[in-house]
Amino acid sequence: TAQDRFTDEHFRHRGVYEETEHPVIGWEVVYSRPWQWSQEVELVSNRAPLMGEANEYVLCELLGRSSDEYHRLIEEGVLG
Protein backbone atom coordinates (compact mmCIF):
# COMPACT_ATOMS: atom_id res chain seq x y z
CA THR A 1 0.00 0.00 0.00
CA ALA A 2 1.02 3.64 -0.16
CA GLN A 3 1.37 3.65 3.62
CA ASP A 4 3.73 0.66 3.42
CA ARG A 5 6.05 2.64 1.16
CA PHE A 6 6.35 5.45 3.71
CA THR A 7 7.36 3.03 6.45
CA ASP A 8 9.55 0.68 4.37
CA GLU A 9 12.97 0.38 6.06
CA HIS A 10 14.81 0.13 2.74
CA PHE A 11 13.25 3.34 1.43
CA ARG A 12 13.86 5.11 4.75
CA HIS A 13 17.51 4.08 4.78
CA ARG A 14 18.00 5.38 1.22
CA GLY A 15 16.32 8.71 2.06
CA VAL A 16 13.50 8.31 -0.46
CA TYR A 17 11.17 10.40 1.73
CA GLU A 18 11.81 13.57 3.70
CA GLU A 19 9.73 15.48 6.20
CA THR A 20 8.89 19.09 5.45
CA GLU A 21 6.66 21.64 7.14
CA HIS A 22 3.79 23.17 5.22
CA PRO A 23 2.28 26.41 6.60
CA VAL A 24 -1.30 25.23 6.11
CA ILE A 25 -1.30 21.47 6.77
CA GLY A 26 1.74 21.18 9.07
CA TRP A 27 4.38 18.47 8.83
CA GLU A 28 4.19 16.05 5.94
CA VAL A 29 6.33 13.39 4.34
CA VAL A 30 7.31 14.16 0.76
CA TYR A 31 8.90 12.04 -1.96
CA SER A 32 12.56 12.92 -2.31
CA ARG A 33 14.61 10.72 -4.63
CA PRO A 34 14.84 6.96 -5.20
CA TRP A 35 18.54 6.97 -6.11
CA GLN A 36 21.83 7.71 -4.39
CA TRP A 37 24.75 9.59 -5.93
CA SER A 38 28.37 8.69 -5.36
CA GLN A 39 28.79 12.28 -4.19
CA GLU A 40 26.40 14.64 -2.47
CA VAL A 41 24.19 16.57 -4.87
CA GLU A 42 22.05 19.34 -3.46
CA LEU A 43 18.39 18.82 -4.26
CA VAL A 44 15.39 21.00 -3.57
CA SER A 45 13.59 19.49 -0.61
CA ASN A 46 11.16 22.17 0.38
CA ARG A 47 7.47 22.51 -0.22
CA ALA A 48 5.73 24.07 -3.17
CA PRO A 49 4.73 27.72 -2.68
CA LEU A 50 1.23 28.66 -1.64
CA MET A 51 -1.00 30.41 -4.16
CA GLY A 52 0.43 33.90 -4.68
CA GLU A 53 3.30 33.40 -2.24
CA ALA A 54 5.92 34.26 -4.87
CA ASN A 55 4.02 37.20 -6.41
CA GLU A 56 6.37 39.87 -5.09
CA TYR A 57 9.46 37.94 -6.18
CA VAL A 58 8.06 37.31 -9.66
CA LEU A 59 6.80 40.84 -10.25
CA CYS A 60 9.68 42.78 -8.70
CA GLU A 61 12.71 40.55 -9.13
CA LEU A 62 11.96 38.66 -12.32
CA LEU A 63 9.77 41.17 -14.17
CA GLY A 64 11.43 44.32 -12.85
CA ARG A 65 8.28 46.03 -11.56
CA SER A 66 8.59 48.50 -8.69
CA SER A 67 7.56 47.80 -5.13
CA ASP A 68 5.03 50.65 -5.41
CA GLU A 69 3.39 49.00 -8.41
CA TYR A 70 3.28 45.66 -6.59
CA HIS A 71 1.53 47.24 -3.59
CA ARG A 72 -0.85 49.16 -5.87
CA LEU A 73 -1.91 45.90 -7.51
CA ILE A 74 -2.63 44.43 -4.08
CA GLU A 75 -4.70 47.48 -3.09
CA GLU A 76 -6.68 47.26 -6.34
CA GLY A 77 -7.44 43.60 -5.71
CA VAL A 78 -5.50 42.42 -8.75
CA LEU A 79 -3.17 40.38 -6.49
CA GLY A 80 -4.07 38.63 -3.28
PDB file of N, CA and C in Angstrom:
ATOM      1  N   THR A   1       0.845  -1.193   0.000  1.00  0.00           N
ATOM      2  CA  THR A   1       0.000   0.000   0.000  1.00  0.00           C
ATOM      3  C   THR A   1       0.881   1.243   0.000  1.00  0.00           C
ATOM      4  N   ALA A   2       0.273   2.385  -0.218  1.00  0.00           N
ATOM      5  CA  ALA A   2       1.019   3.643  -0.161  1.00  0.00           C
ATOM      6  C   ALA A   2       1.615   3.844   1.224  1.00  0.00           C
ATOM      7  N   GLN A   3       0.862   3.517   2.254  1.00  0.00           N
ATOM      8  CA  GLN A   3       1.366   3.654   3.621  1.00  0.00           C
ATOM      9  C   GLN A   3       2.588   2.766   3.850  1.00  0.00           C
ATOM     10  N   ASP A   4       2.577   1.569   3.285  1.00  0.00           N
ATOM     11  CA  ASP A   4       3.728   0.663   3.425  1.00  0.00           C
ATOM     12  C   ASP A   4       4.998   1.285   2.843  1.00  0.00           C
ATOM     13  N   ARG A   5       4.868   2.018   1.766  1.00  0.00           N
ATOM     14  CA  ARG A   5       6.047   2.639   1.163  1.00  0.00           C
ATOM     15  C   ARG A   5       6.669   3.686   2.079  1.00  0.00           C
ATOM     16  N   PHE A   6       5.828   4.419   2.811  1.00  0.00           N
ATOM     17  CA  PHE A   6       6.354   5.446   3.710  1.00  0.00           C
ATOM     18  C   PHE A   6       7.080   4.853   4.913  1.00  0.00           C
ATOM     19  N   THR A   7       6.745   3.639   5.277  1.00  0.00           N
ATOM     20  CA  THR A   7       7.364   3.027   6.453  1.00  0.00           C
ATOM     21  C   THR A   7       8.384   1.954   6.087  1.00  0.00           C
ATOM     22  N   ASP A   8       8.612   1.708   4.816  1.00  0.00           N
ATOM     23  CA  ASP A   8       9.547   0.684   4.370  1.00  0.00           C
ATOM     24  C   ASP A   8      10.973   1.047   4.811  1.00  0.00           C
ATOM     25  N   GLU A   9      11.626   0.133   5.532  1.00  0.00           N
ATOM     26  CA  GLU A   9      12.971   0.382   6.055  1.00  0.00           C
ATOM     27  C   GLU A   9      13.995   0.648   4.948  1.00  0.00           C
ATOM     28  N   HIS A  10      13.880  -0.068   3.853  1.00  0.00           N
ATOM     29  CA  HIS A  10      14.814   0.128   2.740  1.00  0.00           C
ATOM     30  C   HIS A  10      14.687   1.543   2.176  1.00  0.00           C
ATOM     31  N   PHE A  11      13.464   1.994   1.942  1.00  0.00           N
ATOM     32  CA  PHE A  11      13.245   3.344   1.428  1.00  0.00           C
ATOM     33  C   PHE A  11      13.725   4.391   2.433  1.00  0.00           C
ATOM     34  N   ARG A  12      13.433   4.152   3.712  1.00  0.00           N
ATOM     35  CA  ARG A  12      13.855   5.107   4.752  1.00  0.00           C
ATOM     36  C   ARG A  12      15.368   5.211   4.797  1.00  0.00           C
ATOM     37  N   HIS A  13      16.049   4.086   4.725  1.00  0.00           N
ATOM     38  CA  HIS A  13      17.512   4.077   4.775  1.00  0.00           C
ATOM     39  C   HIS A  13      18.110   4.830   3.577  1.00  0.00           C
ATOM     40  N   ARG A  14      17.498   4.716   2.426  1.00  0.00           N
ATOM     41  CA  ARG A  14      17.999   5.379   1.220  1.00  0.00           C
ATOM     42  C   ARG A  14      17.569   6.848   1.130  1.00  0.00           C
ATOM     43  N   GLY A  15      16.742   7.312   2.061  1.00  0.00           N
ATOM     44  CA  GLY A  15      16.317   8.712   2.058  1.00  0.00           C
ATOM     45  C   GLY A  15      15.325   9.046   0.973  1.00  0.00           C
ATOM     46  N   VAL A  16      14.477   8.089   0.609  1.00  0.00           N
ATOM     47  CA  VAL A  16      13.497   8.311  -0.456  1.00  0.00           C
ATOM     48  C   VAL A  16      12.459   9.362  -0.043  1.00  0.00           C
ATOM     49  N   TYR A  17      12.158   9.440   1.235  1.00  0.00           N
ATOM     50  CA  TYR A  17      11.166  10.396   1.727  1.00  0.00           C
ATOM     51  C   TYR A  17      11.806  11.345   2.730  1.00  0.00           C
ATOM     52  N   GLU A  18      11.329  12.571   2.749  1.00  0.00           N
ATOM     53  CA  GLU A  18      11.806  13.570   3.700  1.00  0.00           C
ATOM     54  C   GLU A  18      10.602  14.253   4.325  1.00  0.00           C
ATOM     55  N   GLU A  19      10.782  14.723   5.551  1.00  0.00           N
ATOM     56  CA  GLU A  19       9.730  15.482   6.205  1.00  0.00           C
ATOM     57  C   GLU A  19       9.931  16.962   5.904  1.00  0.00           C
ATOM     58  N   THR A  20       8.841  17.649   5.678  1.00  0.00           N
ATOM     59  CA  THR A  20       8.886  19.088   5.450  1.00  0.00           C
ATOM     60  C   THR A  20       7.668  19.706   6.113  1.00  0.00           C
ATOM     61  N   GLU A  21       7.789  20.963   6.497  1.00  0.00           N
ATOM     62  CA  GLU A  21       6.665  21.638   7.145  1.00  0.00           C
ATOM     63  C   GLU A  21       5.944  22.525   6.149  1.00  0.00           C
ATOM     64  N   HIS A  22       4.638  22.376   6.094  1.00  0.00           N
ATOM     65  CA  HIS A  22       3.785  23.170   5.218  1.00  0.00           C
ATOM     66  C   HIS A  22       3.019  24.147   6.105  1.00  0.00           C
ATOM     67  N   PRO A  23       2.921  25.427   5.726  1.00  0.00           N
ATOM     68  CA  PRO A  23       2.280  26.413   6.599  1.00  0.00           C
ATOM     69  C   PRO A  23       0.780  26.211   6.806  1.00  0.00           C
ATOM     70  N   VAL A  24       0.141  25.441   5.966  1.00  0.00           N
ATOM     71  CA  VAL A  24      -1.304  25.227   6.108  1.00  0.00           C
ATOM     72  C   VAL A  24      -1.604  23.874   6.742  1.00  0.00           C
ATOM     73  N   ILE A  25      -0.952  22.814   6.287  1.00  0.00           N
ATOM     74  CA  ILE A  25      -1.297  21.474   6.767  1.00  0.00           C
ATOM     75  C   ILE A  25      -0.312  20.908   7.781  1.00  0.00           C
ATOM     76  N   GLY A  26       0.765  21.637   8.072  1.00  0.00           N
ATOM     77  CA  GLY A  26       1.736  21.176   9.067  1.00  0.00           C
ATOM     78  C   GLY A  26       2.796  20.270   8.456  1.00  0.00           C
ATOM     79  N   TRP A  27       3.314  19.369   9.280  1.00  0.00           N
ATOM     80  CA  TRP A  27       4.378  18.470   8.825  1.00  0.00           C
ATOM     81  C   TRP A  27       3.826  17.405   7.906  1.00  0.00           C
ATOM     82  N   GLU A  28       4.574  17.104   6.854  1.00  0.00           N
ATOM     83  CA  GLU A  28       4.187  16.052   5.937  1.00  0.00           C
ATOM     84  C   GLU A  28       5.429  15.354   5.398  1.00  0.00           C
ATOM     85  N   VAL A  29       5.250  14.152   4.948  1.00  0.00           N
ATOM     86  CA  VAL A  29       6.330  13.393   4.339  1.00  0.00           C
ATOM     87  C   VAL A  29       6.208  13.565   2.829  1.00  0.00           C
ATOM     88  N   VAL A  30       7.322  13.939   2.197  1.00  0.00           N
ATOM     89  CA  VAL A  30       7.312  14.156   0.755  1.00  0.00           C
ATOM     90  C   VAL A  30       8.305  13.221   0.082  1.00  0.00           C
ATOM     91  N   TYR A  31       8.046  12.894  -1.147  1.00  0.00           N
ATOM     92  CA  TYR A  31       8.901  12.037  -1.960  1.00  0.00           C
ATOM     93  C   TYR A  31      10.168  12.811  -2.298  1.00  0.00           C
ATOM     94  N   SER A  32      11.307  12.245  -2.052  1.00  0.00           N
ATOM     95  CA  SER A  32      12.562  12.924  -2.309  1.00  0.00           C
ATOM     96  C   SER A  32      13.219  12.397  -3.575  1.00  0.00           C
ATOM     97  N   ARG A  33      13.937  11.309  -3.463  1.00  0.00           N
ATOM     98  CA  ARG A  33      14.609  10.723  -4.629  1.00  0.00           C
ATOM     99  C   ARG A  33      14.836   9.235  -4.380  1.00  0.00           C
ATOM    100  N   PRO A  34      14.668   8.405  -5.380  1.00  0.00           N
ATOM    101  CA  PRO A  34      14.838   6.962  -5.202  1.00  0.00           C
ATOM    102  C   PRO A  34      16.261   6.490  -5.477  1.00  0.00           C
ATOM    103  N   TRP A  35      17.178   7.379  -5.772  1.00  0.00           N
ATOM    104  CA  TRP A  35      18.541   6.975  -6.105  1.00  0.00           C
ATOM    105  C   TRP A  35      19.527   7.615  -5.137  1.00  0.00           C
ATOM    106  N   GLN A  36      20.751   7.118  -5.164  1.00  0.00           N
ATOM    107  CA  GLN A  36      21.830   7.706  -4.395  1.00  0.00           C
ATOM    108  C   GLN A  36      22.979   8.029  -5.340  1.00  0.00           C
ATOM    109  N   TRP A  37      23.600   9.169  -5.135  1.00  0.00           N
ATOM    110  CA  TRP A  37      24.746   9.586  -5.929  1.00  0.00           C
ATOM    111  C   TRP A  37      26.021   9.161  -5.213  1.00  0.00           C
ATOM    112  N   SER A  38      27.086   9.014  -5.973  1.00  0.00           N
ATOM    113  CA  SER A  38      28.368   8.687  -5.362  1.00  0.00           C
ATOM    114  C   SER A  38      28.918   9.889  -4.603  1.00  0.00           C
ATOM    115  N   GLN A  39      28.423  11.069  -4.910  1.00  0.00           N
ATOM    116  CA  GLN A  39      28.791  12.281  -4.190  1.00  0.00           C
ATOM    117  C   GLN A  39      27.521  13.049  -3.869  1.00  0.00           C
ATOM    118  N   GLU A  40      27.593  13.898  -2.866  1.00  0.00           N
ATOM    119  CA  GLU A  40      26.401  14.638  -2.470  1.00  0.00           C
ATOM    120  C   GLU A  40      26.000  15.648  -3.547  1.00  0.00           C
ATOM    121  N   VAL A  41      24.761  15.631  -3.906  1.00  0.00           N
ATOM    122  CA  VAL A  41      24.194  16.573  -4.865  1.00  0.00           C
ATOM    123  C   VAL A  41      23.051  17.276  -4.158  1.00  0.00           C
ATOM    124  N   GLU A  42      23.088  18.599  -4.143  1.00  0.00           N
ATOM    125  CA  GLU A  42      22.048  19.344  -3.456  1.00  0.00           C
ATOM    126  C   GLU A  42      20.760  19.307  -4.268  1.00  0.00           C
ATOM    127  N   LEU A  43      19.699  18.879  -3.624  1.00  0.00           N
ATOM    128  CA  LEU A  43      18.385  18.823  -4.264  1.00  0.00           C
ATOM    129  C   LEU A  43      17.433  19.735  -3.519  1.00  0.00           C
ATOM    130  N   VAL A  44      16.432  20.215  -4.212  1.00  0.00           N
ATOM    131  CA  VAL A  44      15.395  21.001  -3.565  1.00  0.00           C
ATOM    132  C   VAL A  44      14.542  20.057  -2.739  1.00  0.00           C
ATOM    133  N   SER A  45      14.388  20.373  -1.461  1.00  0.00           N
ATOM    134  CA  SER A  45      13.592  19.492  -0.610  1.00  0.00           C
ATOM    135  C   SER A  45      12.584  20.284   0.208  1.00  0.00           C
ATOM    136  N   ASN A  46      12.161  21.406  -0.337  1.00  0.00           N
ATOM    137  CA  ASN A  46      11.156  22.166   0.385  1.00  0.00           C
ATOM    138  C   ASN A  46       9.811  22.060  -0.327  1.00  0.00           C
ATOM    139  N   ARG A  47       8.835  22.610   0.290  1.00  0.00           N
ATOM    140  CA  ARG A  47       7.472  22.505  -0.217  1.00  0.00           C
ATOM    141  C   ARG A  47       7.243  23.428  -1.409  1.00  0.00           C
ATOM    142  N   ALA A  48       6.149  23.179  -2.097  1.00  0.00           N
ATOM    143  CA  ALA A  48       5.730  24.073  -3.172  1.00  0.00           C
ATOM    144  C   ALA A  48       5.174  25.353  -2.557  1.00  0.00           C
ATOM    145  N   PRO A  49       5.259  26.479  -3.244  1.00  0.00           N
ATOM    146  CA  PRO A  49       4.731  27.724  -2.685  1.00  0.00           C
ATOM    147  C   PRO A  49       3.209  27.708  -2.638  1.00  0.00           C
ATOM    148  N   LEU A  50       2.682  28.477  -1.709  1.00  0.00           N
ATOM    149  CA  LEU A  50       1.233  28.664  -1.642  1.00  0.00           C
ATOM    150  C   LEU A  50       0.804  29.568  -2.794  1.00  0.00           C
ATOM    151  N   MET A  51      -0.475  29.576  -3.096  1.00  0.00           N
ATOM    152  CA  MET A  51      -1.004  30.411  -4.161  1.00  0.00           C
ATOM    153  C   MET A  51      -0.649  31.874  -3.891  1.00  0.00           C
ATOM    154  N   GLY A  52       0.069  32.486  -4.795  1.00  0.00           N
ATOM    155  CA  GLY A  52       0.426  33.896  -4.684  1.00  0.00           C
ATOM    156  C   GLY A  52       1.619  34.188  -3.793  1.00  0.00           C
ATOM    157  N   GLU A  53       2.205  33.182  -3.171  1.00  0.00           N
ATOM    158  CA  GLU A  53       3.303  33.400  -2.239  1.00  0.00           C
ATOM    159  C   GLU A  53       4.521  34.034  -2.912  1.00  0.00           C
ATOM    160  N   ALA A  54       4.743  33.743  -4.172  1.00  0.00           N
ATOM    161  CA  ALA A  54       5.915  34.261  -4.874  1.00  0.00           C
ATOM    162  C   ALA A  54       5.592  35.478  -5.740  1.00  0.00           C
ATOM    163  N   ASN A  55       4.415  36.065  -5.557  1.00  0.00           N
ATOM    164  CA  ASN A  55       4.024  37.199  -6.406  1.00  0.00           C
ATOM    165  C   ASN A  55       5.031  38.341  -6.373  1.00  0.00           C
ATOM    166  N   GLU A  56       5.452  38.739  -5.185  1.00  0.00           N
ATOM    167  CA  GLU A  56       6.373  39.872  -5.087  1.00  0.00           C
ATOM    168  C   GLU A  56       7.705  39.553  -5.765  1.00  0.00           C
ATOM    169  N   TYR A  57       8.205  38.351  -5.547  1.00  0.00           N
ATOM    170  CA  TYR A  57       9.456  37.944  -6.179  1.00  0.00           C
ATOM    171  C   TYR A  57       9.325  37.959  -7.708  1.00  0.00           C
ATOM    172  N   VAL A  58       8.243  37.391  -8.210  1.00  0.00           N
ATOM    173  CA  VAL A  58       8.062  37.313  -9.664  1.00  0.00           C
ATOM    174  C   VAL A  58       7.913  38.708 -10.270  1.00  0.00           C
ATOM    175  N   LEU A  59       7.038  39.519  -9.669  1.00  0.00           N
ATOM    176  CA  LEU A  59       6.796  40.844 -10.245  1.00  0.00           C
ATOM    177  C   LEU A  59       7.994  41.776 -10.108  1.00  0.00           C
ATOM    178  N   CYS A  60       8.602  41.808  -8.940  1.00  0.00           N
ATOM    179  CA  CYS A  60       9.677  42.781  -8.699  1.00  0.00           C
ATOM    180  C   CYS A  60      11.045  42.289  -9.151  1.00  0.00           C
ATOM    181  N   GLU A  61      11.373  41.053  -8.810  1.00  0.00           N
ATOM    182  CA  GLU A  61      12.711  40.552  -9.127  1.00  0.00           C
ATOM    183  C   GLU A  61      12.823  40.055 -10.571  1.00  0.00           C
ATOM    184  N   LEU A  62      11.865  39.247 -10.985  1.00  0.00           N
ATOM    185  CA  LEU A  62      11.958  38.660 -12.325  1.00  0.00           C
ATOM    186  C   LEU A  62      11.457  39.596 -13.421  1.00  0.00           C
ATOM    187  N   LEU A  63      10.365  40.308 -13.143  1.00  0.00           N
ATOM    188  CA  LEU A  63       9.773  41.169 -14.171  1.00  0.00           C
ATOM    189  C   LEU A  63      10.185  42.630 -14.051  1.00  0.00           C
ATOM    190  N   GLY A  64      10.910  42.973 -12.987  1.00  0.00           N
ATOM    191  CA  GLY A  64      11.434  44.321 -12.848  1.00  0.00           C
ATOM    192  C   GLY A  64      10.425  45.396 -12.495  1.00  0.00           C
ATOM    193  N   ARG A  65       9.267  45.022 -11.972  1.00  0.00           N
ATOM    194  CA  ARG A  65       8.277  46.028 -11.560  1.00  0.00           C
ATOM    195  C   ARG A  65       8.685  46.622 -10.221  1.00  0.00           C
ATOM    196  N   SER A  66       8.223  47.819  -9.940  1.00  0.00           N
ATOM    197  CA  SER A  66       8.586  48.496  -8.692  1.00  0.00           C
ATOM    198  C   SER A  66       7.760  47.958  -7.527  1.00  0.00           C
ATOM    199  N   SER A  67       8.282  48.186  -6.334  1.00  0.00           N
ATOM    200  CA  SER A  67       7.563  47.799  -5.126  1.00  0.00           C
ATOM    201  C   SER A  67       6.243  48.565  -5.017  1.00  0.00           C
ATOM    202  N   ASP A  68       6.258  49.844  -5.429  1.00  0.00           N
ATOM    203  CA  ASP A  68       5.030  50.650  -5.406  1.00  0.00           C
ATOM    204  C   ASP A  68       3.959  50.040  -6.305  1.00  0.00           C
ATOM    205  N   GLU A  69       4.360  49.605  -7.490  1.00  0.00           N
ATOM    206  CA  GLU A  69       3.392  49.000  -8.407  1.00  0.00           C
ATOM    207  C   GLU A  69       2.846  47.700  -7.831  1.00  0.00           C
ATOM    208  N   TYR A  70       3.711  46.914  -7.223  1.00  0.00           N
ATOM    209  CA  TYR A  70       3.283  45.663  -6.591  1.00  0.00           C
ATOM    210  C   TYR A  70       2.221  45.940  -5.526  1.00  0.00           C
ATOM    211  N   HIS A  71       2.482  46.918  -4.668  1.00  0.00           N
ATOM    212  CA  HIS A  71       1.527  47.242  -3.593  1.00  0.00           C
ATOM    213  C   HIS A  71       0.240  47.855  -4.149  1.00  0.00           C
ATOM    214  N   ARG A  72       0.346  48.602  -5.223  1.00  0.00           N
ATOM    215  CA  ARG A  72      -0.850  49.157  -5.871  1.00  0.00           C
ATOM    216  C   ARG A  72      -1.741  48.035  -6.398  1.00  0.00           C
ATOM    217  N   LEU A  73      -1.129  47.022  -6.996  1.00  0.00           N
ATOM    218  CA  LEU A  73      -1.905  45.897  -7.513  1.00  0.00           C
ATOM    219  C   LEU A  73      -2.608  45.132  -6.390  1.00  0.00           C
ATOM    220  N   ILE A  74      -1.988  45.057  -5.240  1.00  0.00           N
ATOM    221  CA  ILE A  74      -2.631  44.428  -4.080  1.00  0.00           C
ATOM    222  C   ILE A  74      -3.832  45.261  -3.647  1.00  0.00           C
ATOM    223  N   GLU A  75      -3.621  46.575  -3.516  1.00  0.00           N
ATOM    224  CA  GLU A  75      -4.697  47.476  -3.094  1.00  0.00           C
ATOM    225  C   GLU A  75      -5.883  47.447  -4.056  1.00  0.00           C
ATOM    226  N   GLU A  76      -5.619  47.300  -5.342  1.00  0.00           N
ATOM    227  CA  GLU A  76      -6.684  47.265  -6.343  1.00  0.00           C
ATOM    228  C   GLU A  76      -7.350  45.887  -6.443  1.00  0.00           C
ATOM    229  N   GLY A  77      -6.842  44.925  -5.703  1.00  0.00           N
ATOM    230  CA  GLY A  77      -7.438  43.603  -5.708  1.00  0.00           C
ATOM    231  C   GLY A  77      -6.996  42.725  -6.871  1.00  0.00           C
ATOM    232  N   VAL A  78      -6.005  43.195  -7.630  1.00  0.00           N
ATOM    233  CA  VAL A  78      -5.498  42.418  -8.750  1.00  0.00           C
ATOM    234  C   VAL A  78      -4.720  41.212  -8.225  1.00  0.00           C
ATOM    235  N   LEU A  79      -3.947  41.449  -7.153  1.00  0.00           N
ATOM    236  CA  LEU A  79      -3.174  40.382  -6.495  1.00  0.00           C
ATOM    237  C   LEU A  79      -3.722  40.174  -5.093  1.00  0.00           C
ATOM    238  N   GLY A  80      -3.595  38.940  -4.634  1.00  0.00           N
ATOM    239  CA  GLY A  80      -4.065  38.627  -3.276  1.00  0.00           C
ATOM    240  C   GLY A  80      -2.953  38.511  -2.303  1.00  0.00           C
TER     241      GLY A  80
END
